[in-house]
PDB file of N, CA and C in Angstrom:
ATOM      1  N   MET A   1       6.109   8.288  14.035  1.00  0.00           N
ATOM      2  CA  MET A   1       6.896   7.095  13.645  1.00  0.00           C
ATOM      3  C   MET A   1       6.152   6.279  12.601  1.00  0.00           C
ATOM      4  N   LYS A   2       4.818   6.258  12.680  1.00  0.00           N
ATOM      5  CA  LYS A   2       4.040   5.459  11.718  1.00  0.00           C
ATOM      6  C   LYS A   2       4.251   5.933  10.314  1.00  0.00           C
ATOM      7  N   VAL A   3       4.206   7.237  10.043  1.00  0.00           N
ATOM      8  CA  VAL A   3       4.368   7.832   8.742  1.00  0.00           C
ATOM      9  C   VAL A   3       5.778   7.580   8.297  1.00  0.00           C
ATOM     10  N   LYS A   4       6.776   7.814   9.146  1.00  0.00           N
ATOM     11  CA  LYS A   4       8.192   7.653   8.804  1.00  0.00           C
ATOM     12  C   LYS A   4       8.422   6.233   8.323  1.00  0.00           C
ATOM     13  N   THR A   5       8.004   5.188   9.083  1.00  0.00           N
ATOM     14  CA  THR A   5       8.222   3.859   8.698  1.00  0.00           C
ATOM     15  C   THR A   5       7.461   3.490   7.403  1.00  0.00           C
ATOM     16  N   TYR A   6       6.297   4.059   7.250  1.00  0.00           N
ATOM     17  CA  TYR A   6       5.530   3.814   5.991  1.00  0.00           C
ATOM     18  C   TYR A   6       6.335   4.295   4.791  1.00  0.00           C
ATOM     19  N   LEU A   7       6.827   5.557   4.903  1.00  0.00           N
ATOM     20  CA  LEU A   7       7.560   6.158   3.763  1.00  0.00           C
ATOM     21  C   LEU A   7       8.814   5.394   3.492  1.00  0.00           C
ATOM     22  N   GLU A   8       9.548   4.970   4.531  1.00  0.00           N
ATOM     23  CA  GLU A   8      10.708   4.142   4.241  1.00  0.00           C
ATOM     24  C   GLU A   8      10.414   2.840   3.561  1.00  0.00           C
ATOM     25  N   TRP A   9       9.371   2.174   3.966  1.00  0.00           N
ATOM     26  CA  TRP A   9       8.939   0.927   3.329  1.00  0.00           C
ATOM     27  C   TRP A   9       8.467   1.236   1.882  1.00  0.00           C
ATOM     28  N   HIS A  10       7.634   2.269   1.749  1.00  0.00           N
ATOM     29  CA  HIS A  10       7.179   2.616   0.434  1.00  0.00           C
ATOM     30  C   HIS A  10       8.280   2.971  -0.535  1.00  0.00           C
ATOM     31  N   GLN A  11       9.306   3.663  -0.039  1.00  0.00           N
ATOM     32  CA  GLN A  11      10.425   4.037  -0.903  1.00  0.00           C
ATOM     33  C   GLN A  11      11.167   2.773  -1.409  1.00  0.00           C
ATOM     34  N   HIS A  12      11.267   1.760  -0.576  1.00  0.00           N
ATOM     35  CA  HIS A  12      11.863   0.519  -1.040  1.00  0.00           C
ATOM     36  C   HIS A  12      10.996  -0.107  -2.083  1.00  0.00           C
ATOM     37  N   VAL A  13       9.724  -0.221  -1.808  1.00  0.00           N
ATOM     38  CA  VAL A  13       8.769  -0.908  -2.679  1.00  0.00           C
ATOM     39  C   VAL A  13       8.717  -0.232  -4.101  1.00  0.00           C
ATOM     40  N   ALA A  14       8.818   1.155  -4.070  1.00  0.00           N
ATOM     41  CA  ALA A  14       8.803   1.929  -5.275  1.00  0.00           C
ATOM     42  C   ALA A  14       9.990   1.555  -6.222  1.00  0.00           C
ATOM     43  N   GLY A  15      11.069   1.131  -5.654  1.00  0.00           N
ATOM     44  CA  GLY A  15      12.209   0.787  -6.493  1.00  0.00           C
ATOM     45  C   GLY A  15      12.452  -0.740  -6.614  1.00  0.00           C
ATOM     46  N   CYS A  16      11.588  -1.541  -6.095  1.00  0.00           N
ATOM     47  CA  CYS A  16      11.826  -3.013  -6.051  1.00  0.00           C
ATOM     48  C   CYS A  16      10.779  -3.719  -6.867  1.00  0.00           C
ATOM     49  N   ALA A  17      11.198  -4.257  -8.063  1.00  0.00           N
ATOM     50  CA  ALA A  17      10.243  -4.949  -8.899  1.00  0.00           C
ATOM     51  C   ALA A  17       9.662  -6.150  -8.250  1.00  0.00           C
ATOM     52  N   ARG A  18      10.447  -6.882  -7.447  1.00  0.00           N
ATOM     53  CA  ARG A  18       9.880  -8.060  -6.788  1.00  0.00           C
ATOM     54  C   ARG A  18       8.750  -7.715  -5.882  1.00  0.00           C
ATOM     55  N   CYS A  19       8.924  -6.684  -5.057  1.00  0.00           N
ATOM     56  CA  CYS A  19       7.849  -6.337  -4.089  1.00  0.00           C
ATOM     57  C   CYS A  19       6.608  -5.859  -4.848  1.00  0.00           C
ATOM     58  N   GLN A  20       6.800  -5.233  -6.017  1.00  0.00           N
ATOM     59  CA  GLN A  20       5.646  -4.742  -6.761  1.00  0.00           C
ATOM     60  C   GLN A  20       4.894  -5.848  -7.499  1.00  0.00           C
ATOM     61  N   VAL A  21       5.636  -6.894  -7.806  1.00  0.00           N
ATOM     62  CA  VAL A  21       5.011  -7.960  -8.651  1.00  0.00           C
ATOM     63  C   VAL A  21       4.549  -9.155  -7.855  1.00  0.00           C
ATOM     64  N   ILE A  22       5.376  -9.644  -6.934  1.00  0.00           N
ATOM     65  CA  ILE A  22       4.976 -10.855  -6.187  1.00  0.00           C
ATOM     66  C   ILE A  22       4.824 -10.688  -4.695  1.00  0.00           C
ATOM     67  N   GLY A  23       5.139  -9.553  -4.202  1.00  0.00           N
ATOM     68  CA  GLY A  23       5.027  -9.412  -2.736  1.00  0.00           C
ATOM     69  C   GLY A  23       6.371  -9.121  -2.140  1.00  0.00           C
ATOM     70  N   ARG A  24       6.388  -9.091  -0.829  1.00  0.00           N
ATOM     71  CA  ARG A  24       7.529  -8.647  -0.061  1.00  0.00           C
ATOM     72  C   ARG A  24       8.803  -9.445  -0.313  1.00  0.00           C
ATOM     73  N   CYS A  25       9.863  -8.722  -0.620  1.00  0.00           N
ATOM     74  CA  CYS A  25      11.189  -9.397  -0.782  1.00  0.00           C
ATOM     75  C   CYS A  25      11.892  -9.392   0.587  1.00  0.00           C
ATOM     76  N   PRO A  26      13.015 -10.135   0.707  1.00  0.00           N
ATOM     77  CA  PRO A  26      13.661 -10.207   2.026  1.00  0.00           C
ATOM     78  C   PRO A  26      14.174  -8.857   2.512  1.00  0.00           C
ATOM     79  N   PHE A  27      14.545  -7.932   1.602  1.00  0.00           N
ATOM     80  CA  PHE A  27      14.996  -6.681   2.026  1.00  0.00           C
ATOM     81  C   PHE A  27      13.864  -5.748   2.603  1.00  0.00           C
ATOM     82  N   ALA A  28      12.694  -6.026   2.208  1.00  0.00           N
ATOM     83  CA  ALA A  28      11.477  -5.243   2.640  1.00  0.00           C
ATOM     84  C   ALA A  28      10.967  -5.727   4.008  1.00  0.00           C
ATOM     85  N   THR A  29      11.353  -6.925   4.374  1.00  0.00           N
ATOM     86  CA  THR A  29      10.732  -7.505   5.586  1.00  0.00           C
ATOM     87  C   THR A  29      11.096  -6.680   6.881  1.00  0.00           C
ATOM     88  N   PRO A  30      12.308  -6.258   7.076  1.00  0.00           N
ATOM     89  CA  PRO A  30      12.534  -5.434   8.312  1.00  0.00           C
ATOM     90  C   PRO A  30      11.842  -4.100   8.229  1.00  0.00           C
ATOM     91  N   LEU A  31      11.667  -3.529   7.028  1.00  0.00           N
ATOM     92  CA  LEU A  31      10.895  -2.307   6.896  1.00  0.00           C
ATOM     93  C   LEU A  31       9.475  -2.469   7.182  1.00  0.00           C
ATOM     94  N   ALA A  32       8.844  -3.579   6.684  1.00  0.00           N
ATOM     95  CA  ALA A  32       7.474  -3.868   6.948  1.00  0.00           C
ATOM     96  C   ALA A  32       7.273  -4.155   8.464  1.00  0.00           C
ATOM     97  N   GLU A  33       8.139  -4.855   9.037  1.00  0.00           N
ATOM     98  CA  GLU A  33       8.044  -5.207  10.480  1.00  0.00           C
ATOM     99  C   GLU A  33       8.194  -3.937  11.331  1.00  0.00           C
ATOM    100  N   ALA A  34       9.057  -3.012  10.969  1.00  0.00           N
ATOM    101  CA  ALA A  34       9.174  -1.788  11.712  1.00  0.00           C
ATOM    102  C   ALA A  34       7.844  -0.962  11.590  1.00  0.00           C
ATOM    103  N   HIS A  35       7.290  -0.918  10.356  1.00  0.00           N
ATOM    104  CA  HIS A  35       5.997  -0.229  10.127  1.00  0.00           C
ATOM    105  C   HIS A  35       4.844  -0.907  10.961  1.00  0.00           C
ATOM    106  N   ALA A  36       4.845  -2.201  10.951  1.00  0.00           N
ATOM    107  CA  ALA A  36       3.807  -2.967  11.706  1.00  0.00           C
ATOM    108  C   ALA A  36       3.844  -2.568  13.207  1.00  0.00           C
ATOM    109  N   ALA A  37       5.073  -2.535  13.734  1.00  0.00           N
ATOM    110  CA  ALA A  37       5.244  -2.167  15.143  1.00  0.00           C
ATOM    111  C   ALA A  37       4.769  -0.715  15.357  1.00  0.00           C
ATOM    112  N   ALA A  38       5.112   0.176  14.436  1.00  0.00           N
ATOM    113  CA  ALA A  38       4.614   1.588  14.568  1.00  0.00           C
ATOM    114  C   ALA A  38       3.138   1.705  14.483  1.00  0.00           C
ATOM    115  N   VAL A  39       2.520   0.950  13.606  1.00  0.00           N
ATOM    116  CA  VAL A  39       1.060   0.954  13.475  1.00  0.00           C
ATOM    117  C   VAL A  39       0.428   0.465  14.713  1.00  0.00           C
ATOM    118  N   ALA A  40       0.957  -0.599  15.322  1.00  0.00           N
ATOM    119  CA  ALA A  40       0.425  -1.169  16.545  1.00  0.00           C
ATOM    120  C   ALA A  40       0.602  -0.169  17.689  1.00  0.00           C
ATOM    121  N   ALA A  41       1.748   0.514  17.744  1.00  0.00           N
ATOM    122  CA  ALA A  41       1.996   1.511  18.815  1.00  0.00           C
ATOM    123  C   ALA A  41       1.027   2.708  18.650  1.00  0.00           C
ATOM    124  N   ALA A  42       0.764   3.120  17.422  1.00  0.00           N
ATOM    125  CA  ALA A  42      -0.073   4.282  17.226  1.00  0.00           C
ATOM    126  C   ALA A  42      -1.559   4.019  17.395  1.00  0.00           C
ATOM    127  N   THR A  43      -1.990   2.809  16.942  1.00  0.00           N
ATOM    128  CA  THR A  43      -3.420   2.540  16.893  1.00  0.00           C
ATOM    129  C   THR A  43      -3.902   1.450  17.869  1.00  0.00           C
ATOM    130  N   GLY A  44      -2.925   0.666  18.412  1.00  0.00           N
ATOM    131  CA  GLY A  44      -3.404  -0.378  19.256  1.00  0.00           C
ATOM    132  C   GLY A  44      -3.746  -1.648  18.465  1.00  0.00           C
ATOM    133  N   SER A  45      -3.587  -1.639  17.208  1.00  0.00           N
ATOM    134  CA  SER A  45      -3.897  -2.789  16.326  1.00  0.00           C
ATOM    135  C   SER A  45      -2.984  -2.772  15.151  1.00  0.00           C
ATOM    136  N   ARG A  46      -2.724  -3.958  14.637  1.00  0.00           N
ATOM    137  CA  ARG A  46      -1.881  -4.118  13.388  1.00  0.00           C
ATOM    138  C   ARG A  46      -2.769  -4.266  12.205  1.00  0.00           C
ATOM    139  N   LEU A  47      -4.057  -4.020  12.304  1.00  0.00           N
ATOM    140  CA  LEU A  47      -4.953  -4.213  11.199  1.00  0.00           C
ATOM    141  C   LEU A  47      -4.977  -2.935  10.289  1.00  0.00           C
ATOM    142  N   VAL A  48      -4.903  -3.158   8.966  1.00  0.00           N
ATOM    143  CA  VAL A  48      -5.034  -2.122   7.949  1.00  0.00           C
ATOM    144  C   VAL A  48      -5.986  -2.666   6.895  1.00  0.00           C
ATOM    145  N   CYS A  49      -6.460  -1.796   6.020  1.00  0.00           N
ATOM    146  CA  CYS A  49      -7.385  -2.207   4.965  1.00  0.00           C
ATOM    147  C   CYS A  49      -6.621  -2.090   3.637  1.00  0.00           C
ATOM    148  N   CYS A  50      -6.931  -3.089   2.786  1.00  0.00           N
ATOM    149  CA  CYS A  50      -6.551  -3.005   1.365  1.00  0.00           C
ATOM    150  C   CYS A  50      -7.458  -1.880   0.734  1.00  0.00           C
ATOM    151  N   VAL A  51      -6.797  -0.975   0.031  1.00  0.00           N
ATOM    152  CA  VAL A  51      -7.545   0.163  -0.583  1.00  0.00           C
ATOM    153  C   VAL A  51      -8.443  -0.396  -1.711  1.00  0.00           C
ATOM    154  N   ARG A  52      -8.112  -1.547  -2.276  1.00  0.00           N
ATOM    155  CA  ARG A  52      -8.883  -2.108  -3.335  1.00  0.00           C
ATOM    156  C   ARG A  52     -10.114  -2.827  -2.828  1.00  0.00           C
ATOM    157  N   CYS A  53      -9.980  -3.792  -1.925  1.00  0.00           N
ATOM    158  CA  CYS A  53     -11.163  -4.600  -1.507  1.00  0.00           C
ATOM    159  C   CYS A  53     -11.631  -4.294  -0.130  1.00  0.00           C
ATOM    160  N   GLN A  54     -10.972  -3.479   0.630  1.00  0.00           N
ATOM    161  CA  GLN A  54     -11.397  -3.072   1.978  1.00  0.00           C
ATOM    162  C   GLN A  54     -11.358  -4.205   2.952  1.00  0.00           C
ATOM    163  N   VAL A  55     -10.648  -5.292   2.677  1.00  0.00           N
ATOM    164  CA  VAL A  55     -10.451  -6.374   3.537  1.00  0.00           C
ATOM    165  C   VAL A  55      -9.404  -5.950   4.659  1.00  0.00           C
ATOM    166  N   GLN A  56      -9.729  -6.149   5.910  1.00  0.00           N
ATOM    167  CA  GLN A  56      -8.778  -5.857   6.929  1.00  0.00           C
ATOM    168  C   GLN A  56      -7.811  -7.011   7.152  1.00  0.00           C
ATOM    169  N   GLU A  57      -6.536  -6.688   7.223  1.00  0.00           N
ATOM    170  CA  GLU A  57      -5.551  -7.709   7.463  1.00  0.00           C
ATOM    171  C   GLU A  57      -4.451  -7.127   8.325  1.00  0.00           C
ATOM    172  N   ASP A  58      -3.651  -8.084   8.873  1.00  0.00           N
ATOM    173  CA  ASP A  58      -2.436  -7.655   9.631  1.00  0.00           C
ATOM    174  C   ASP A  58      -1.474  -6.995   8.627  1.00  0.00           C
ATOM    175  N   VAL A  59      -1.030  -5.820   8.992  1.00  0.00           N
ATOM    176  CA  VAL A  59      -0.081  -5.090   8.129  1.00  0.00           C
ATOM    177  C   VAL A  59       1.184  -5.873   7.863  1.00  0.00           C
ATOM    178  N   GLY A  60       1.451  -6.905   8.678  1.00  0.00           N
ATOM    179  CA  GLY A  60       2.627  -7.734   8.454  1.00  0.00           C
ATOM    180  C   GLY A  60       2.456  -8.798   7.406  1.00  0.00           C
ATOM    181  N   ALA A  61       1.271  -8.994   6.807  1.00  0.00           N
ATOM    182  CA  ALA A  61       1.015 -10.003   5.814  1.00  0.00           C
ATOM    183  C   ALA A  61       1.925  -9.755   4.615  1.00  0.00           C
ATOM    184  N   SER A  62       2.563 -10.856   4.177  1.00  0.00           N
ATOM    185  CA  SER A  62       3.611 -10.653   3.118  1.00  0.00           C
ATOM    186  C   SER A  62       2.996 -10.236   1.789  1.00  0.00           C
ATOM    187  N   HIS A  63       1.724 -10.401   1.590  1.00  0.00           N
ATOM    188  CA  HIS A  63       1.158  -9.988   0.308  1.00  0.00           C
ATOM    189  C   HIS A  63       0.515  -8.571   0.299  1.00  0.00           C
ATOM    190  N   LEU A  64       0.734  -7.821   1.402  1.00  0.00           N
ATOM    191  CA  LEU A  64       0.351  -6.438   1.449  1.00  0.00           C
ATOM    192  C   LEU A  64       1.560  -5.526   1.291  1.00  0.00           C
ATOM    193  N   VAL A  65       1.414  -4.517   0.508  1.00  0.00           N
ATOM    194  CA  VAL A  65       2.490  -3.542   0.315  1.00  0.00           C
ATOM    195  C   VAL A  65       1.871  -2.112   0.428  1.00  0.00           C
ATOM    196  N   PRO A  66       2.739  -1.110   0.713  1.00  0.00           N
ATOM    197  CA  PRO A  66       2.205   0.248   0.760  1.00  0.00           C
ATOM    198  C   PRO A  66       1.873   0.787  -0.650  1.00  0.00           C
ATOM    199  N   LEU A  67       0.873   1.534  -0.788  1.00  0.00           N
ATOM    200  CA  LEU A  67       0.547   2.135  -2.050  1.00  0.00           C
ATOM    201  C   LEU A  67       0.228   3.612  -1.805  1.00  0.00           C
ATOM    202  N   ALA A  68       1.081   4.490  -2.274  1.00  0.00           N
ATOM    203  CA  ALA A  68       0.888   5.952  -2.124  1.00  0.00           C
ATOM    204  C   ALA A  68       0.465   6.509  -3.468  1.00  0.00           C
ATOM    205  N   TRP A  69      -0.454   7.382  -3.481  1.00  0.00           N
ATOM    206  CA  TRP A  69      -0.968   7.967  -4.733  1.00  0.00           C
ATOM    207  C   TRP A  69      -1.467   9.413  -4.455  1.00  0.00           C
ATOM    208  N   LEU A  70      -1.502  10.162  -5.582  1.00  0.00           N
ATOM    209  CA  LEU A  70      -2.012  11.541  -5.438  1.00  0.00           C
ATOM    210  C   LEU A  70      -3.388  11.612  -5.925  1.00  0.00           C
ATOM    211  N   GLY A  71      -4.143  12.407  -5.211  1.00  0.00           N
ATOM    212  CA  GLY A  71      -5.560  12.717  -5.575  1.00  0.00           C
ATOM    213  C   GLY A  71      -5.861  14.107  -5.157  1.00  0.00           C
ATOM    214  N   GLU A  72      -6.310  14.948  -6.093  1.00  0.00           N
ATOM    215  CA  GLU A  72      -6.652  16.301  -5.796  1.00  0.00           C
ATOM    216  C   GLU A  72      -5.523  17.063  -5.093  1.00  0.00           C
ATOM    217  N   GLY A  73      -4.290  16.774  -5.475  1.00  0.00           N
ATOM    218  CA  GLY A  73      -3.174  17.459  -4.926  1.00  0.00           C
ATOM    219  C   GLY A  73      -2.745  17.030  -3.577  1.00  0.00           C
ATOM    220  N   VAL A  74      -3.333  15.981  -3.059  1.00  0.00           N
ATOM    221  CA  VAL A  74      -3.006  15.434  -1.687  1.00  0.00           C
ATOM    222  C   VAL A  74      -2.472  14.007  -1.834  1.00  0.00           C
ATOM    223  N   ALA A  75      -1.431  13.637  -1.112  1.00  0.00           N
ATOM    224  CA  ALA A  75      -0.862  12.265  -1.108  1.00  0.00           C
ATOM    225  C   ALA A  75      -1.731  11.411  -0.229  1.00  0.00           C
ATOM    226  N   TYR A  76      -2.104  10.249  -0.718  1.00  0.00           N
ATOM    227  CA  TYR A  76      -2.779   9.236   0.069  1.00  0.00           C
ATOM    228  C   TYR A  76      -1.875   8.091   0.335  1.00  0.00           C
ATOM    229  N   HIS A  77      -1.814   7.668   1.575  1.00  0.00           N
ATOM    230  CA  HIS A  77      -1.004   6.546   1.977  1.00  0.00           C
ATOM    231  C   HIS A  77      -1.915   5.415   2.359  1.00  0.00           C
ATOM    232  N   SER A  78      -1.843   4.358   1.517  1.00  0.00           N
ATOM    233  CA  SER A  78      -2.719   3.195   1.734  1.00  0.00           C
ATOM    234  C   SER A  78      -1.928   1.897   1.551  1.00  0.00           C
ATOM    235  N   TYR A  79      -2.628   0.804   1.482  1.00  0.00           N
ATOM    236  CA  TYR A  79      -2.026  -0.514   1.335  1.00  0.00           C
ATOM    237  C   TYR A  79      -2.812  -1.332   0.240  1.00  0.00           C
ATOM    238  N   THR A  80      -2.175  -2.205  -0.409  1.00  0.00           N
ATOM    239  CA  THR A  80      -2.848  -3.009  -1.438  1.00  0.00           C
ATOM    240  C   THR A  80      -2.270  -4.439  -1.425  1.00  0.00           C
ATOM    241  N   HIS A  81      -3.026  -5.371  -1.922  1.00  0.00           N
ATOM    242  CA  HIS A  81      -2.578  -6.757  -2.136  1.00  0.00           C
ATOM    243  C   HIS A  81      -1.776  -6.810  -3.386  1.00  0.00           C
ATOM    244  N   VAL A  82      -0.729  -7.648  -3.404  1.00  0.00           N
ATOM    245  CA  VAL A  82      -0.005  -7.920  -4.644  1.00  0.00           C
ATOM    246  C   VAL A  82       0.111  -9.443  -4.759  1.00  0.00           C
ATOM    247  N   PRO A  83       0.126  -9.995  -5.943  1.00  0.00           N
ATOM    248  CA  PRO A  83       0.332  -9.286  -7.230  1.00  0.00           C
ATOM    249  C   PRO A  83      -0.906  -8.575  -7.658  1.00  0.00           C
ATOM    250  N   LYS A  84      -2.085  -9.025  -7.301  1.00  0.00           N
ATOM    251  CA  LYS A  84      -3.347  -8.295  -7.664  1.00  0.00           C
ATOM    252  C   LYS A  84      -4.458  -8.655  -6.726  1.00  0.00           C
ATOM    253  N   CYS A  85      -5.154  -7.651  -6.278  1.00  0.00           N
ATOM    254  CA  CYS A  85      -6.252  -7.876  -5.397  1.00  0.00           C
ATOM    255  C   CYS A  85      -7.464  -8.298  -6.270  1.00  0.00           C
ATOM    256  N   THR A  86      -7.937  -9.459  -5.901  1.00  0.00           N
ATOM    257  CA  THR A  86      -9.091 -10.004  -6.672  1.00  0.00           C
ATOM    258  C   THR A  86     -10.317 -10.146  -5.787  1.00  0.00           C
ATOM    259  N   ALA A  87     -10.177  -9.747  -4.534  1.00  0.00           N
ATOM    260  CA  ALA A  87     -11.317  -9.788  -3.588  1.00  0.00           C
ATOM    261  C   ALA A  87     -12.402  -8.824  -4.001  1.00  0.00           C
ATOM    262  N   LYS A  88     -13.608  -9.207  -3.883  1.00  0.00           N
ATOM    263  CA  LYS A  88     -14.758  -8.280  -4.157  1.00  0.00           C
ATOM    264  C   LYS A  88     -15.122  -7.543  -2.905  1.00  0.00           C
ATOM    265  N   ARG A  89     -15.587  -6.362  -3.100  1.00  0.00           N
ATOM    266  CA  ARG A  89     -16.113  -5.598  -2.003  1.00  0.00           C
ATOM    267  C   ARG A  89     -17.308  -6.260  -1.458  1.00  0.00           C
ATOM    268  N   ALA A  90     -17.486  -6.237  -0.169  1.00  0.00           N
ATOM    269  CA  ALA A  90     -18.643  -6.881   0.476  1.00  0.00           C
ATOM    270  C   ALA A  90     -19.972  -6.355  -0.024  1.00  0.00           C
ATOM    271  N   ARG A  91     -20.012  -5.019  -0.168  1.00  0.00           N
ATOM    272  CA  ARG A  91     -21.220  -4.358  -0.624  1.00  0.00           C
ATOM    273  C   ARG A  91     -21.211  -4.404  -2.203  1.00  0.00           C
ATOM    274  N   LYS A  92     -22.330  -4.726  -2.719  1.00  0.00           N
ATOM    275  CA  LYS A  92     -22.533  -4.691  -4.236  1.00  0.00           C
ATOM    276  C   LYS A  92     -21.640  -5.713  -4.917  1.00  0.00           C
ATOM    277  N   ASN A  93     -20.840  -6.434  -4.319  1.00  0.00           N
ATOM    278  CA  ASN A  93     -19.956  -7.492  -4.939  1.00  0.00           C
ATOM    279  C   ASN A  93     -19.241  -6.988  -6.158  1.00  0.00           C
ATOM    280  N   VAL A  94     -18.689  -5.782  -6.062  1.00  0.00           N
ATOM    281  CA  VAL A  94     -17.871  -5.208  -7.145  1.00  0.00           C
ATOM    282  C   VAL A  94     -16.563  -4.769  -6.590  1.00  0.00           C
ATOM    283  N   LEU A  95     -15.560  -4.639  -7.493  1.00  0.00           N
ATOM    284  CA  LEU A  95     -14.277  -4.127  -7.090  1.00  0.00           C
ATOM    285  C   LEU A  95     -14.459  -2.644  -6.792  1.00  0.00           C
ATOM    286  N   ARG A  96     -13.745  -2.120  -5.824  1.00  0.00           N
ATOM    287  CA  ARG A  96     -13.791  -0.810  -5.424  1.00  0.00           C
ATOM    288  C   ARG A  96     -12.997   0.038  -6.391  1.00  0.00           C
ATOM    289  N   PHE A  97     -13.369   1.360  -6.475  1.00  0.00           N
ATOM    290  CA  PHE A  97     -12.535   2.324  -7.220  1.00  0.00           C
ATOM    291  C   PHE A  97     -11.126   2.231  -6.664  1.00  0.00           C
ATOM    292  N   ILE A  98     -10.164   2.044  -7.532  1.00  0.00           N
ATOM    293  CA  ILE A  98      -8.819   1.721  -7.112  1.00  0.00           C
ATOM    294  C   ILE A  98      -7.771   2.573  -7.865  1.00  0.00           C
ATOM    295  N   PRO A  99      -6.780   3.015  -7.153  1.00  0.00           N
ATOM    296  CA  PRO A  99      -5.712   3.691  -7.874  1.00  0.00           C
ATOM    297  C   PRO A  99      -4.885   2.621  -8.656  1.00  0.00           C
ATOM    298  N   GLU A 100      -4.265   3.057  -9.715  1.00  0.00           N
ATOM    299  CA  GLU A 100      -3.369   2.141 -10.429  1.00  0.00           C
ATOM    300  C   GLU A 100      -2.178   1.841  -9.570  1.00  0.00           C
ATOM    301  N   LEU A 101      -1.574   0.691  -9.852  1.00  0.00           N
ATOM    302  CA  LEU A 101      -0.374   0.314  -9.141  1.00  0.00           C
ATOM    303  C   LEU A 101       0.792   1.066  -9.745  1.00  0.00           C
ATOM    304  N   THR A 102       0.905   2.367  -9.483  1.00  0.00           N
ATOM    305  CA  THR A 102       2.011   3.130  -9.875  1.00  0.00           C
ATOM    306  C   THR A 102       2.763   3.556  -8.621  1.00  0.00           C
ATOM    307  N   TRP A 103       4.021   3.699  -8.728  1.00  0.00           N
ATOM    308  CA  TRP A 103       4.847   3.934  -7.591  1.00  0.00           C
ATOM    309  C   TRP A 103       5.485   5.318  -7.804  1.00  0.00           C
ATOM    310  N   PHE A 104       5.212   6.247  -6.903  1.00  0.00           N
ATOM    311  CA  PHE A 104       5.788   7.502  -7.110  1.00  0.00           C
ATOM    312  C   PHE A 104       7.147   7.635  -6.388  1.00  0.00           C
ATOM    313  N   HIS A 105       8.069   8.307  -7.083  1.00  0.00           N
ATOM    314  CA  HIS A 105       9.423   8.469  -6.564  1.00  0.00           C
ATOM    315  C   HIS A 105       9.623   9.988  -6.303  1.00  0.00           C
ATOM    316  N   GLY A 106      10.259  10.257  -5.198  1.00  0.00           N
ATOM    317  CA  GLY A 106      10.581  11.657  -4.816  1.00  0.00           C
ATOM    318  C   GLY A 106       9.440  12.536  -4.777  1.00  0.00           C
ATOM    319  N   GLY A 107       8.233  11.987  -4.413  1.00  0.00           N
ATOM    320  CA  GLY A 107       7.091  12.854  -4.292  1.00  0.00           C
ATOM    321  C   GLY A 107       6.276  13.108  -5.562  1.00  0.00           C
ATOM    322  N   ALA A 108       6.771  12.688  -6.728  1.00  0.00           N
ATOM    323  CA  ALA A 108       6.090  12.915  -7.936  1.00  0.00           C
ATOM    324  C   ALA A 108       5.350  11.614  -8.333  1.00  0.00           C
ATOM    325  N   ALA A 109       4.053  11.729  -8.474  1.00  0.00           N
ATOM    326  CA  ALA A 109       3.260  10.522  -8.737  1.00  0.00           C
ATOM    327  C   ALA A 109       3.246  10.177 -10.260  1.00  0.00           C
ATOM    328  N   ALA A 110       3.259   8.947 -10.585  1.00  0.00           N
ATOM    329  CA  ALA A 110       3.133   8.453 -11.932  1.00  0.00           C
ATOM    330  C   ALA A 110       1.697   8.126 -12.194  1.00  0.00           C
ATOM    331  N   GLY A 111       0.908   9.129 -12.652  1.00  0.00           N
ATOM    332  CA  GLY A 111      -0.484   8.878 -12.933  1.00  0.00           C
ATOM    333  C   GLY A 111      -1.423   9.255 -11.818  1.00  0.00           C
ATOM    334  N   THR A 112      -2.675   9.074 -12.066  1.00  0.00           N
ATOM    335  CA  THR A 112      -3.708   9.445 -11.102  1.00  0.00           C
ATOM    336  C   THR A 112      -4.421   8.201 -10.626  1.00  0.00           C
ATOM    337  N   PRO A 113      -5.245   8.262  -9.612  1.00  0.00           N
ATOM    338  CA  PRO A 113      -5.983   7.082  -9.127  1.00  0.00           C
ATOM    339  C   PRO A 113      -6.867   6.467 -10.237  1.00  0.00           C
ATOM    340  N   GLU A 114      -7.321   7.289 -11.172  1.00  0.00           N
ATOM    341  CA  GLU A 114      -8.130   6.734 -12.222  1.00  0.00           C
ATOM    342  C   GLU A 114      -7.345   5.958 -13.218  1.00  0.00           C
ATOM    343  N   GLY A 115      -6.000   6.037 -13.145  1.00  0.00           N
ATOM    344  CA  GLY A 115      -5.114   5.280 -14.034  1.00  0.00           C
ATOM    345  C   GLY A 115      -4.632   6.126 -15.206  1.00  0.00           C
ATOM    346  N   GLY A 116      -5.044   7.370 -15.309  1.00  0.00           N
ATOM    347  CA  GLY A 116      -4.609   8.210 -16.384  1.00  0.00           C
ATOM    348  C   GLY A 116      -3.524   9.154 -15.913  1.00  0.00           C
ATOM    349  N   ASN A 117      -3.109  10.093 -16.733  1.00  0.00           N
ATOM    350  CA  ASN A 117      -2.156  11.039 -16.339  1.00  0.00           C
ATOM    351  C   ASN A 117      -2.938  12.383 -16.282  1.00  0.00           C
ATOM    352  N   ALA A 118      -2.566  13.142 -15.248  1.00  0.00           N
ATOM    353  CA  ALA A 118      -3.218  14.448 -15.002  1.00  0.00           C
ATOM    354  C   ALA A 118      -2.816  15.432 -16.072  1.00  0.00           C
TER     355      ALA A 118
END
């Protein structure tokens, strides 16, 4: 159920400019809440990490969105802050290696985590 709800939420975000630019829109709220419930049921916690800064937050936070990207032929399902994660990594005080904010549709990714095209 966790993956199913993630993919439903991600599919919405991939087609919603508001979710991509400023955070969760009203149409995404029920999808995010369903995913938060599935995360809690699967893991016993609603905490997830931003792929960019590694800060743990409640998956229900309105400024977190799903971010799926391809790497080495495998899809990664993660979360990121929007509009932009500016938090520094605790170690070394630098931003983490981060995938571009590209949204893939129908399983085809737009770009690579490095920000280029394969």
